[in-house]
Amino acid sequence: MSEIDIKRAGFCAIIGAPNAGKSTLTNRLVGAKVAIVTHKVQTTRFPVRGVAQTGDTQVVIVDTPGIFAAKRRLDRAMVKAAWGGADEADCVVHLIDASAWVAEKTGRPSAAQRHSLEDDRRVIEQLKEAGTRAILALNKIDLFPHDQILPVMQALSGEGVYEDIFMISADKGDGVDKLEAAIASRMPEGPALYPPDQVADLPMRLLAAEVTREKLMLRLHQELPYQLTVETENWEERADGSVRIQQVVIVGRDGHKAMVLGKGGSLIKEIGRQSRIELTQMLERPVHLFLFVKVDERWQERRETYRGIGLEFDV
């Protein structure tokens, strides 16, 4: 689709509790992987903009960090970025893990689901305070019988902050087309904001670092994934058309470094292999990836860390 075909264009922010499925929905709407996805909460650390096109409408999907009770500086910066994305959007979608609400109605929510419910209610109250009207998307409907969602829909509809309610499965794609049409209908008239062949507004150096962080989060356990970050230190275009990428995995403790390296360096080698395969597919050319691990106990308190991923430090 050429740029002149676009008659409407705007921004849609997807907000919600950690692990509600925002990145999965973003990738589904865009039709390409622009946001990393893991089963762990707080995977997304900064707003990621993916470009979707529906008919003559271009929608810039803003995948935001999860909204939760933030205490650490990095967490506070993430939550502020999420609300910042919502404030600047033409349309806001509040994505909720419906299975948590169904579990509450049946009296059997897990500890993780209880946290999710608390975060959802926090988002609802902040939407009320801001006077923001949103689209409600009830996600993960493939995990329970559909008749169990009716009491949840009634309760959430009564909150008075939702214009429309959709039942979807971001993972399977169920109901996403109707949600997409509703989002597109709310975009203002205007020309395309991005070229028709662009699927994300994210520097490749940053996206490459996110791909490696995704692989680490999927392999590591407990709290360690949240105590590390990945930075692309060097990006060299080679004469043969390939690219040489050097990245550093930064952890907070010596013990964490040993865990990331693995026995005899086996884990970091496997992470590098997985990341290289995905980056080769994304860039459609050979990738030479080199990973290093270093310890920096104060990486979460350094201003340059936040500047590098577009977050505010003074929050």
C-alpha atoms as a PDB file:
ATOM      1  CA  MET A   1       0.000   0.000   0.000  1.00  0.00           C
ATOM      2  CA  SER A   2       1.450   3.361  -0.976  1.00  0.00           C
ATOM      3  CA  GLU A   3       1.433   6.404   1.225  1.00  0.00           C
ATOM      4  CA  ILE A   4      -1.182   8.224  -0.885  1.00  0.00           C
ATOM      5  CA  ASP A   5      -3.714   5.459  -0.150  1.00  0.00           C
ATOM      6  CA  ILE A   6      -3.734   6.325   3.550  1.00  0.00           C
ATOM      7  CA  LYS A   7      -6.634   8.577   4.528  1.00  0.00           C
ATOM      8  CA  ARG A   8      -6.515   8.183   8.318  1.00  0.00           C
ATOM      9  CA  ALA A   9      -3.583   7.738  10.682  1.00  0.00           C
ATOM     10  CA  GLY A  10      -2.979   7.946  14.393  1.00  0.00           C
ATOM     11  CA  PHE A  11      -1.725   6.318  17.583  1.00  0.00           C
ATOM     12  CA  CYS A  12      -3.295   3.593  19.722  1.00  0.00           C
ATOM     13  CA  ALA A  13      -1.776   2.820  23.134  1.00  0.00           C
ATOM     14  CA  ILE A  14      -2.217  -0.626  24.633  1.00  0.00           C
ATOM     15  CA  ILE A  15      -2.057  -0.428  28.425  1.00  0.00           C
ATOM     16  CA  GLY A  16      -2.609  -2.936  31.195  1.00  0.00           C
ATOM     17  CA  ALA A  17      -1.104  -5.030  33.959  1.00  0.00           C
ATOM     18  CA  PRO A  18       2.170  -6.887  33.438  1.00  0.00           C
ATOM     19  CA  ASN A  19       1.767 -10.123  31.469  1.00  0.00           C
ATOM     20  CA  ALA A  20      -1.718  -9.272  30.194  1.00  0.00           C
ATOM     21  CA  GLY A  21      -0.534 -10.003  26.632  1.00  0.00           C
ATOM     22  CA  LYS A  22       0.150  -6.481  25.339  1.00  0.00           C
ATOM     23  CA  SER A  23       3.243  -7.400  23.327  1.00  0.00           C
ATOM     24  CA  THR A  24       1.542 -10.465  21.860  1.00  0.00           C
ATOM     25  CA  LEU A  25      -1.401  -8.297  20.780  1.00  0.00           C
ATOM     26  CA  THR A  26       0.933  -5.653  19.334  1.00  0.00           C
ATOM     27  CA  ASN A  27       2.745  -8.240  17.225  1.00  0.00           C
ATOM     28  CA  ARG A  28      -0.592  -9.722  16.122  1.00  0.00           C
ATOM     29  CA  LEU A  29      -1.961  -6.331  15.003  1.00  0.00           C
ATOM     30  CA  VAL A  30       1.247  -5.340  13.236  1.00  0.00           C
ATOM     31  CA  GLY A  31       1.639  -8.737  11.585  1.00  0.00           C
ATOM     32  CA  ALA A  32       5.330  -8.902  12.489  1.00  0.00           C
ATOM     33  CA  LYS A  33       7.443  -9.235  15.599  1.00  0.00           C
ATOM     34  CA  VAL A  34       8.207  -5.747  16.893  1.00  0.00           C
ATOM     35  CA  ALA A  35       7.994  -6.433  20.633  1.00  0.00           C
ATOM     36  CA  ILE A  36       9.665  -9.213  22.588  1.00  0.00           C
ATOM     37  CA  VAL A  37       7.398 -11.689  24.347  1.00  0.00           C
ATOM     38  CA  THR A  38       8.053 -13.928  27.359  1.00  0.00           C
ATOM     39  CA  HIS A  39       5.894 -15.527  30.024  1.00  0.00           C
ATOM     40  CA  LYS A  40       7.540 -13.322  32.665  1.00  0.00           C
ATOM     41  CA  VAL A  41       6.092 -10.039  33.886  1.00  0.00           C
ATOM     42  CA  GLN A  42       7.820  -6.715  33.151  1.00  0.00           C
ATOM     43  CA  THR A  43       9.313  -7.986  29.896  1.00  0.00           C
ATOM     44  CA  THR A  44       8.517  -4.711  28.115  1.00  0.00           C
ATOM     45  CA  ARG A  45      10.562  -1.857  29.581  1.00  0.00           C
ATOM     46  CA  PHE A  46       9.792   1.020  27.218  1.00  0.00           C
ATOM     47  CA  PRO A  47       7.067   1.934  24.693  1.00  0.00           C
ATOM     48  CA  VAL A  48       7.468   0.091  21.393  1.00  0.00           C
ATOM     49  CA  ARG A  49       5.736   1.518  18.326  1.00  0.00           C
ATOM     50  CA  GLY A  50       4.533  -0.946  15.711  1.00  0.00           C
ATOM     51  CA  VAL A  51       2.934   0.187  12.447  1.00  0.00           C
ATOM     52  CA  ALA A  52      -0.275  -1.559  11.376  1.00  0.00           C
ATOM     53  CA  GLN A  53      -2.390  -0.870   8.275  1.00  0.00           C
ATOM     54  CA  THR A  54      -6.090  -1.635   7.963  1.00  0.00           C
ATOM     55  CA  GLY A  55      -7.616  -0.644   4.639  1.00  0.00           C
ATOM     56  CA  ASP A  56      -6.926   3.054   4.172  1.00  0.00           C
ATOM     57  CA  THR A  57      -5.970   3.543   7.826  1.00  0.00           C
ATOM     58  CA  GLN A  58      -2.522   3.419   9.404  1.00  0.00           C
ATOM     59  CA  VAL A  59      -2.449   2.707  13.123  1.00  0.00           C
ATOM     60  CA  VAL A  60       0.715   3.162  15.158  1.00  0.00           C
ATOM     61  CA  ILE A  61       0.342   0.620  17.963  1.00  0.00           C
ATOM     62  CA  VAL A  62       2.158   1.697  21.126  1.00  0.00           C
ATOM     63  CA  ASP A  63       3.011  -1.350  23.256  1.00  0.00           C
ATOM     64  CA  THR A  64       3.600   0.029  26.755  1.00  0.00           C
ATOM     65  CA  PRO A  65       5.268  -1.399  29.861  1.00  0.00           C
ATOM     66  CA  GLY A  66       2.976  -3.076  32.378  1.00  0.00           C
ATOM     67  CA  ILE A  67       1.331  -0.828  34.962  1.00  0.00           C
ATOM     68  CA  PHE A  68       1.831  -1.945  38.549  1.00  0.00           C
ATOM     69  CA  ALA A  69       2.742  -0.620  42.001  1.00  0.00           C
ATOM     70  CA  ALA A  70       6.254   0.605  41.204  1.00  0.00           C
ATOM     71  CA  LYS A  71       8.915   1.112  43.874  1.00  0.00           C
ATOM     72  CA  ARG A  72      12.339   0.927  42.203  1.00  0.00           C
ATOM     73  CA  ARG A  73      13.533   3.718  39.924  1.00  0.00           C
ATOM     74  CA  LEU A  74      13.435   1.524  36.811  1.00  0.00           C
ATOM     75  CA  ASP A  75       9.913   0.365  37.626  1.00  0.00           C
ATOM     76  CA  ARG A  76       8.707   3.929  38.207  1.00  0.00           C
ATOM     77  CA  ALA A  77      10.219   5.017  34.882  1.00  0.00           C
ATOM     78  CA  MET A  78       8.474   2.126  33.107  1.00  0.00           C
ATOM     79  CA  VAL A  79       5.056   2.953  34.572  1.00  0.00           C
ATOM     80  CA  LYS A  80       5.445   6.645  33.757  1.00  0.00           C
ATOM     81  CA  ALA A  81       6.324   5.729  30.168  1.00  0.00           C
ATOM     82  CA  ALA A  82       3.182   3.577  29.962  1.00  0.00           C
ATOM     83  CA  TRP A  83       0.900   6.420  31.040  1.00  0.00           C
ATOM     84  CA  GLY A  84       2.805   8.812  28.800  1.00  0.00           C
ATOM     85  CA  GLY A  85       2.000   6.586  25.835  1.00  0.00           C
ATOM     86  CA  ALA A  86      -1.681   6.611  26.784  1.00  0.00           C
ATOM     87  CA  ASP A  87      -1.808  10.391  27.236  1.00  0.00           C
ATOM     88  CA  GLU A  88      -0.477  10.994  23.719  1.00  0.00           C
ATOM     89  CA  ALA A  89      -2.667   8.445  21.931  1.00  0.00           C
ATOM     90  CA  ASP A  90      -5.773   8.932  19.808  1.00  0.00           C
ATOM     91  CA  CYS A  91      -7.156   5.685  21.179  1.00  0.00           C
ATOM     92  CA  VAL A  92      -6.457   3.656  24.336  1.00  0.00           C
ATOM     93  CA  VAL A  93      -6.990  -0.083  24.663  1.00  0.00           C
ATOM     94  CA  HIS A  94      -7.009  -1.475  28.200  1.00  0.00           C
ATOM     95  CA  LEU A  95      -5.988  -5.114  27.859  1.00  0.00           C
ATOM     96  CA  ILE A  96      -7.061  -7.366  30.721  1.00  0.00           C
ATOM     97  CA  ASP A  97      -6.227 -10.996  31.418  1.00  0.00           C
ATOM     98  CA  ALA A  98      -9.828 -12.200  31.568  1.00  0.00           C
ATOM     99  CA  SER A  99      -8.837 -15.566  33.026  1.00  0.00           C
ATOM    100  CA  ALA A 100      -7.809 -13.816  36.255  1.00  0.00           C
ATOM    101  CA  TRP A 101     -11.244 -12.191  36.597  1.00  0.00           C
ATOM    102  CA  VAL A 102     -13.023 -15.461  35.858  1.00  0.00           C
ATOM    103  CA  ALA A 103     -10.861 -17.194  38.471  1.00  0.00           C
ATOM    104  CA  GLU A 104     -11.843 -14.527  41.010  1.00  0.00           C
ATOM    105  CA  LYS A 105     -15.550 -15.050  40.245  1.00  0.00           C
ATOM    106  CA  THR A 106     -15.141 -18.786  40.815  1.00  0.00           C
ATOM    107  CA  GLY A 107     -13.130 -18.183  43.987  1.00  0.00           C
ATOM    108  CA  ARG A 108      -9.886 -19.781  42.819  1.00  0.00           C
ATOM    109  CA  PRO A 109      -7.441 -17.051  41.697  1.00  0.00           C
ATOM    110  CA  SER A 110      -3.731 -17.825  41.961  1.00  0.00           C
ATOM    111  CA  ALA A 111      -1.301 -15.443  43.650  1.00  0.00           C
ATOM    112  CA  ALA A 112      -0.201 -14.126  40.245  1.00  0.00           C
ATOM    113  CA  GLN A 113      -3.828 -13.609  39.220  1.00  0.00           C
ATOM    114  CA  ARG A 114      -4.540 -11.672  42.419  1.00  0.00           C
ATOM    115  CA  HIS A 115      -1.644  -9.337  41.604  1.00  0.00           C
ATOM    116  CA  SER A 116      -3.015  -8.922  38.087  1.00  0.00           C
ATOM    117  CA  LEU A 117      -6.461  -8.035  39.445  1.00  0.00           C
ATOM    118  CA  GLU A 118      -4.965  -5.423  41.765  1.00  0.00           C
ATOM    119  CA  ASP A 119      -3.075  -3.873  38.848  1.00  0.00           C
ATOM    120  CA  ASP A 120      -6.192  -3.912  36.652  1.00  0.00           C
ATOM    121  CA  ARG A 121      -8.180  -2.072  39.311  1.00  0.00           C
ATOM    122  CA  ARG A 122      -5.361   0.447  39.679  1.00  0.00           C
ATOM    123  CA  VAL A 123      -5.520   1.142  35.930  1.00  0.00           C
ATOM    124  CA  ILE A 124      -9.317   1.547  36.075  1.00  0.00           C
ATOM    125  CA  GLU A 125      -9.055   4.094  38.889  1.00  0.00           C
ATOM    126  CA  GLN A 126      -6.410   6.078  37.032  1.00  0.00           C
ATOM    127  CA  LEU A 127      -8.520   6.078  33.874  1.00  0.00           C
ATOM    128  CA  LYS A 128     -11.382   7.471  35.946  1.00  0.00           C
ATOM    129  CA  GLU A 129      -9.174  10.154  37.490  1.00  0.00           C
ATOM    130  CA  ALA A 130      -7.862  11.200  34.077  1.00  0.00           C
ATOM    131  CA  GLY A 131     -11.329  11.179  32.532  1.00  0.00           C
ATOM    132  CA  THR A 132     -10.032   8.848  29.810  1.00  0.00           C
ATOM    133  CA  ARG A 133     -12.410   6.641  27.844  1.00  0.00           C
ATOM    134  CA  ALA A 134     -10.886   3.387  26.635  1.00  0.00           C
ATOM    135  CA  ILE A 135     -11.650   0.247  24.677  1.00  0.00           C
ATOM    136  CA  LEU A 136     -11.656  -2.823  26.908  1.00  0.00           C
ATOM    137  CA  ALA A 137     -10.108  -5.972  25.444  1.00  0.00           C
ATOM    138  CA  LEU A 138     -10.652  -9.090  27.513  1.00  0.00           C
ATOM    139  CA  ASN A 139      -7.748 -11.355  26.584  1.00  0.00           C
ATOM    140  CA  LYS A 140      -7.047 -15.092  26.931  1.00  0.00           C
ATOM    141  CA  ILE A 141     -10.669 -16.119  26.322  1.00  0.00           C
ATOM    142  CA  ASP A 142      -9.390 -19.433  24.991  1.00  0.00           C
ATOM    143  CA  LEU A 143      -8.572 -20.494  28.565  1.00  0.00           C
ATOM    144  CA  PHE A 144     -12.119 -20.875  29.943  1.00  0.00           C
ATOM    145  CA  PRO A 145     -15.762 -21.508  28.874  1.00  0.00           C
ATOM    146  CA  HIS A 146     -17.210 -18.328  27.328  1.00  0.00           C
ATOM    147  CA  ASP A 147     -20.331 -18.315  29.510  1.00  0.00           C
ATOM    148  CA  GLN A 148     -18.104 -17.574  32.507  1.00  0.00           C
ATOM    149  CA  ILE A 149     -17.112 -14.175  31.081  1.00  0.00           C
ATOM    150  CA  LEU A 150     -20.594 -12.590  31.210  1.00  0.00           C
ATOM    151  CA  PRO A 151     -20.481 -11.579  34.917  1.00  0.00           C
ATOM    152  CA  VAL A 152     -17.000 -10.133  34.332  1.00  0.00           C
ATOM    153  CA  MET A 153     -18.204  -8.094  31.365  1.00  0.00           C
ATOM    154  CA  GLN A 154     -21.122  -6.747  33.400  1.00  0.00           C
ATOM    155  CA  ALA A 155     -18.902  -5.764  36.305  1.00  0.00           C
ATOM    156  CA  LEU A 156     -16.305  -4.016  34.141  1.00  0.00           C
ATOM    157  CA  SER A 157     -18.922  -2.302  31.988  1.00  0.00           C
ATOM    158  CA  GLY A 158     -20.289  -0.780  35.178  1.00  0.00           C
ATOM    159  CA  GLU A 159     -17.002   1.012  35.836  1.00  0.00           C
ATOM    160  CA  GLY A 160     -18.016   3.683  33.317  1.00  0.00           C
ATOM    161  CA  VAL A 161     -14.662   4.061  31.558  1.00  0.00           C
ATOM    162  CA  TYR A 162     -15.103   1.770  28.558  1.00  0.00           C
ATOM    163  CA  GLU A 163     -16.610   2.725  25.185  1.00  0.00           C
ATOM    164  CA  ASP A 164     -16.541  -0.814  23.799  1.00  0.00           C
ATOM    165  CA  ILE A 165     -15.737  -4.293  25.078  1.00  0.00           C
ATOM    166  CA  PHE A 166     -14.141  -7.034  22.983  1.00  0.00           C
ATOM    167  CA  MET A 167     -13.320 -10.635  23.837  1.00  0.00           C
ATOM    168  CA  ILE A 168     -10.074 -11.748  22.205  1.00  0.00           C
ATOM    169  CA  SER A 169      -7.231 -14.215  22.243  1.00  0.00           C
ATOM    170  CA  ALA A 170      -4.109 -12.290  21.263  1.00  0.00           C
ATOM    171  CA  ASP A 171      -2.221 -15.570  21.095  1.00  0.00           C
ATOM    172  CA  LYS A 172      -4.701 -17.411  18.839  1.00  0.00           C
ATOM    173  CA  GLY A 173      -6.037 -14.341  17.012  1.00  0.00           C
ATOM    174  CA  ASP A 174      -9.689 -14.871  17.987  1.00  0.00           C
ATOM    175  CA  GLY A 175     -11.665 -11.620  17.911  1.00  0.00           C
ATOM    176  CA  VAL A 176      -8.643  -9.479  17.048  1.00  0.00           C
ATOM    177  CA  ASP A 177     -10.033  -8.440  13.662  1.00  0.00           C
ATOM    178  CA  LYS A 178     -13.083  -6.804  15.288  1.00  0.00           C
ATOM    179  CA  LEU A 179     -10.865  -5.018  17.808  1.00  0.00           C
ATOM    180  CA  GLU A 180      -8.612  -3.861  14.994  1.00  0.00           C
ATOM    181  CA  ALA A 181     -11.568  -2.405  13.088  1.00  0.00           C
ATOM    182  CA  ALA A 182     -12.722  -0.530  16.203  1.00  0.00           C
ATOM    183  CA  ILE A 183      -9.245   0.920  16.699  1.00  0.00           C
ATOM    184  CA  ALA A 184      -8.983   1.967  13.055  1.00  0.00           C
ATOM    185  CA  SER A 185     -12.354   3.737  13.200  1.00  0.00           C
ATOM    186  CA  ARG A 186     -11.015   6.006  15.939  1.00  0.00           C
ATOM    187  CA  MET A 187      -8.008   7.258  13.981  1.00  0.00           C
ATOM    188  CA  PRO A 188      -8.144  10.887  12.812  1.00  0.00           C
ATOM    189  CA  GLU A 189      -8.065  11.879   9.152  1.00  0.00           C
ATOM    190  CA  GLY A 190      -4.580  12.533   7.851  1.00  0.00           C
ATOM    191  CA  PRO A 191      -1.654  11.173   5.814  1.00  0.00           C
ATOM    192  CA  ALA A 192       0.504   8.205   6.758  1.00  0.00           C
ATOM    193  CA  LEU A 193       2.858   8.765   9.676  1.00  0.00           C
ATOM    194  CA  TYR A 194       5.352   6.114   8.506  1.00  0.00           C
ATOM    195  CA  PRO A 195       6.385   4.627   5.139  1.00  0.00           C
ATOM    196  CA  PRO A 196       4.146   1.708   4.077  1.00  0.00           C
ATOM    197  CA  ASP A 197       6.955  -0.874   4.377  1.00  0.00           C
ATOM    198  CA  GLN A 198       7.989   0.137   7.922  1.00  0.00           C
ATOM    199  CA  VAL A 199       6.662  -2.079  10.725  1.00  0.00           C
ATOM    200  CA  ALA A 200       8.333  -0.491  13.748  1.00  0.00           C
ATOM    201  CA  ASP A 201       9.715   2.793  15.024  1.00  0.00           C
ATOM    202  CA  LEU A 202      12.641   1.354  16.930  1.00  0.00           C
ATOM    203  CA  PRO A 203      16.369   1.639  16.202  1.00  0.00           C
ATOM    204  CA  MET A 204      17.768  -1.706  15.059  1.00  0.00           C
ATOM    205  CA  ARG A 205      20.545  -1.501  17.660  1.00  0.00           C
ATOM    206  CA  LEU A 206      17.876  -1.376  20.367  1.00  0.00           C
ATOM    207  CA  LEU A 207      15.672  -4.050  18.814  1.00  0.00           C
ATOM    208  CA  ALA A 208      18.704  -6.351  18.475  1.00  0.00           C
ATOM    209  CA  ALA A 209      19.474  -5.888  22.186  1.00  0.00           C
ATOM    210  CA  GLU A 210      15.836  -6.667  23.020  1.00  0.00           C
ATOM    211  CA  VAL A 211      15.976  -9.906  21.013  1.00  0.00           C
ATOM    212  CA  THR A 212      18.943 -11.082  23.090  1.00  0.00           C
ATOM    213  CA  ARG A 213      17.254 -10.005  26.346  1.00  0.00           C
ATOM    214  CA  GLU A 214      14.188 -12.012  25.356  1.00  0.00           C
ATOM    215  CA  LYS A 215      16.295 -15.162  24.950  1.00  0.00           C
ATOM    216  CA  LEU A 216      17.889 -14.566  28.346  1.00  0.00           C
ATOM    217  CA  MET A 217      14.530 -14.049  30.063  1.00  0.00           C
ATOM    218  CA  LEU A 218      13.193 -17.264  28.590  1.00  0.00           C
ATOM    219  CA  ARG A 219      16.148 -19.290  29.879  1.00  0.00           C
ATOM    220  CA  LEU A 220      16.831 -17.724  33.273  1.00  0.00           C
ATOM    221  CA  HIS A 221      14.719 -18.173  36.384  1.00  0.00           C
ATOM    222  CA  GLN A 222      13.330 -16.326  39.385  1.00  0.00           C
ATOM    223  CA  GLU A 223      14.504 -12.740  39.867  1.00  0.00           C
ATOM    224  CA  LEU A 224      17.614 -12.771  37.671  1.00  0.00           C
ATOM    225  CA  PRO A 225      15.900 -11.706  34.405  1.00  0.00           C
ATOM    226  CA  TYR A 226      14.912  -8.395  36.017  1.00  0.00           C
ATOM    227  CA  GLN A 227      18.446  -7.774  37.281  1.00  0.00           C
ATOM    228  CA  LEU A 228      20.033  -7.606  33.845  1.00  0.00           C
ATOM    229  CA  THR A 229      19.986  -5.519  30.703  1.00  0.00           C
ATOM    230  CA  VAL A 230      21.488  -5.854  27.232  1.00  0.00           C
ATOM    231  CA  GLU A 231      23.184  -3.092  25.259  1.00  0.00           C
ATOM    232  CA  THR A 232      24.413  -3.117  21.661  1.00  0.00           C
ATOM    233  CA  GLU A 233      27.911  -1.674  21.912  1.00  0.00           C
ATOM    234  CA  ASN A 234      28.958  -1.927  18.286  1.00  0.00           C
ATOM    235  CA  TRP A 235      27.173  -2.342  14.947  1.00  0.00           C
ATOM    236  CA  GLU A 236      29.447  -2.765  11.946  1.00  0.00           C
ATOM    237  CA  GLU A 237      28.203  -3.037   8.376  1.00  0.00           C
ATOM    238  CA  ARG A 238      30.504  -5.435   6.498  1.00  0.00           C
ATOM    239  CA  ALA A 239      31.535  -5.169   2.827  1.00  0.00           C
ATOM    240  CA  ASP A 240      30.041  -8.584   2.082  1.00  0.00           C
ATOM    241  CA  GLY A 241      26.563  -7.390   3.161  1.00  0.00           C
ATOM    242  CA  SER A 242      26.670  -9.020   6.588  1.00  0.00           C
ATOM    243  CA  VAL A 243      26.613  -7.172   9.904  1.00  0.00           C
ATOM    244  CA  ARG A 244      28.850  -7.612  12.944  1.00  0.00           C
ATOM    245  CA  ILE A 245      27.041  -6.938  16.222  1.00  0.00           C
ATOM    246  CA  GLN A 246      28.714  -6.751  19.612  1.00  0.00           C
ATOM    247  CA  GLN A 247      26.486  -6.758  22.684  1.00  0.00           C
ATOM    248  CA  VAL A 248      27.116  -6.673  26.412  1.00  0.00           C
ATOM    249  CA  VAL A 249      24.883  -8.345  28.992  1.00  0.00           C
ATOM    250  CA  ILE A 250      25.040  -6.265  32.178  1.00  0.00           C
ATOM    251  CA  VAL A 251      24.232  -7.917  35.502  1.00  0.00           C
ATOM    252  CA  GLY A 252      24.327  -6.643  39.077  1.00  0.00           C
ATOM    253  CA  ARG A 253      26.363  -9.354  40.816  1.00  0.00           C
ATOM    254  CA  ASP A 254      29.264 -11.723  40.196  1.00  0.00           C
ATOM    255  CA  GLY A 255      26.992 -14.646  40.992  1.00  0.00           C
ATOM    256  CA  HIS A 256      24.590 -13.515  38.285  1.00  0.00           C
ATOM    257  CA  LYS A 257      27.432 -13.362  35.781  1.00  0.00           C
ATOM    258  CA  ALA A 258      28.246 -17.013  36.441  1.00  0.00           C
ATOM    259  CA  MET A 259      24.584 -17.941  35.917  1.00  0.00           C
ATOM    260  CA  VAL A 260      24.386 -16.056  32.610  1.00  0.00           C
ATOM    261  CA  LEU A 261      27.606 -17.620  31.349  1.00  0.00           C
ATOM    262  CA  GLY A 262      26.589 -21.147  32.332  1.00  0.00           C
ATOM    263  CA  LYS A 263      28.942 -24.064  32.807  1.00  0.00           C
ATOM    264  CA  GLY A 264      31.945 -23.550  30.570  1.00  0.00           C
ATOM    265  CA  GLY A 265      30.150 -20.642  28.873  1.00  0.00           C
ATOM    266  CA  SER A 266      27.473 -23.018  27.528  1.00  0.00           C
ATOM    267  CA  LEU A 267      24.447 -20.859  28.316  1.00  0.00           C
ATOM    268  CA  ILE A 268      25.721 -17.607  26.805  1.00  0.00           C
ATOM    269  CA  LYS A 269      26.792 -19.533  23.690  1.00  0.00           C
ATOM    270  CA  GLU A 270      23.296 -20.966  23.304  1.00  0.00           C
ATOM    271  CA  ILE A 271      21.719 -17.534  23.878  1.00  0.00           C
ATOM    272  CA  GLY A 272      24.004 -16.107  21.201  1.00  0.00           C
ATOM    273  CA  ARG A 273      23.049 -18.868  18.770  1.00  0.00           C
ATOM    274  CA  GLN A 274      19.297 -18.329  19.266  1.00  0.00           C
ATOM    275  CA  SER A 275      19.591 -14.547  19.038  1.00  0.00           C
ATOM    276  CA  ARG A 276      21.786 -14.735  15.911  1.00  0.00           C
ATOM    277  CA  ILE A 277      19.249 -16.984  14.131  1.00  0.00           C
ATOM    278  CA  GLU A 278      16.380 -14.589  14.854  1.00  0.00           C
ATOM    279  CA  LEU A 279      18.367 -11.478  13.929  1.00  0.00           C
ATOM    280  CA  THR A 280      19.456 -13.093  10.670  1.00  0.00           C
ATOM    281  CA  GLN A 281      15.801 -13.690   9.816  1.00  0.00           C
ATOM    282  CA  MET A 282      14.763 -10.168  10.831  1.00  0.00           C
ATOM    283  CA  LEU A 283      17.568  -8.426   8.935  1.00  0.00           C
ATOM    284  CA  GLU A 284      17.475 -10.871   6.004  1.00  0.00           C
ATOM    285  CA  ARG A 285      21.271 -11.071   5.873  1.00  0.00           C
ATOM    286  CA  PRO A 286      24.103 -12.859   7.722  1.00  0.00           C
ATOM    287  CA  VAL A 287      24.710 -11.720  11.302  1.00  0.00           C
ATOM    288  CA  HIS A 288      27.918 -12.175  13.283  1.00  0.00           C
ATOM    289  CA  LEU A 289      26.919 -11.780  16.933  1.00  0.00           C
ATOM    290  CA  PHE A 290      29.370 -11.504  19.836  1.00  0.00           C
ATOM    291  CA  LEU A 291      28.127 -11.476  23.440  1.00  0.00           C
ATOM    292  CA  PHE A 292      30.022 -10.425  26.551  1.00  0.00           C
ATOM    293  CA  VAL A 293      28.937 -10.314  30.185  1.00  0.00           C
ATOM    294  CA  LYS A 294      29.967  -7.690  32.711  1.00  0.00           C
ATOM    295  CA  VAL A 295      29.046  -6.780  36.277  1.00  0.00           C
ATOM    296  CA  ASP A 296      27.778  -3.308  37.162  1.00  0.00           C
ATOM    297  CA  GLU A 297      26.092  -3.206  40.567  1.00  0.00           C
ATOM    298  CA  ARG A 298      24.580   0.215  39.868  1.00  0.00           C
ATOM    299  CA  TRP A 299      23.388  -0.140  36.278  1.00  0.00           C
ATOM    300  CA  GLN A 300      19.790   0.576  37.342  1.00  0.00           C
ATOM    301  CA  GLU A 301      20.917   3.880  38.893  1.00  0.00           C
ATOM    302  CA  ARG A 302      22.863   5.236  35.933  1.00  0.00           C
ATOM    303  CA  ARG A 303      21.276   7.999  33.862  1.00  0.00           C
ATOM    304  CA  GLU A 304      22.770   6.690  30.604  1.00  0.00           C
ATOM    305  CA  THR A 305      20.946   3.373  31.059  1.00  0.00           C
ATOM    306  CA  TYR A 306      17.606   5.153  30.910  1.00  0.00           C
ATOM    307  CA  ARG A 307      18.614   7.500  28.117  1.00  0.00           C
ATOM    308  CA  GLY A 308      19.594   4.502  25.980  1.00  0.00           C
ATOM    309  CA  ILE A 309      16.071   3.032  26.079  1.00  0.00           C
ATOM    310  CA  GLY A 310      14.114   6.294  26.087  1.00  0.00           C
ATOM    311  CA  LEU A 311      13.002   6.323  29.724  1.00  0.00           C
ATOM    312  CA  GLU A 312      13.052   9.241  32.152  1.00  0.00           C
ATOM    313  CA  PHE A 313      15.641   8.979  34.896  1.00  0.00           C
ATOM    314  CA  ASP A 314      14.229  11.561  37.332  1.00  0.00           C
ATOM    315  CA  VAL A 315      10.990   9.901  38.407  1.00  0.00           C
END
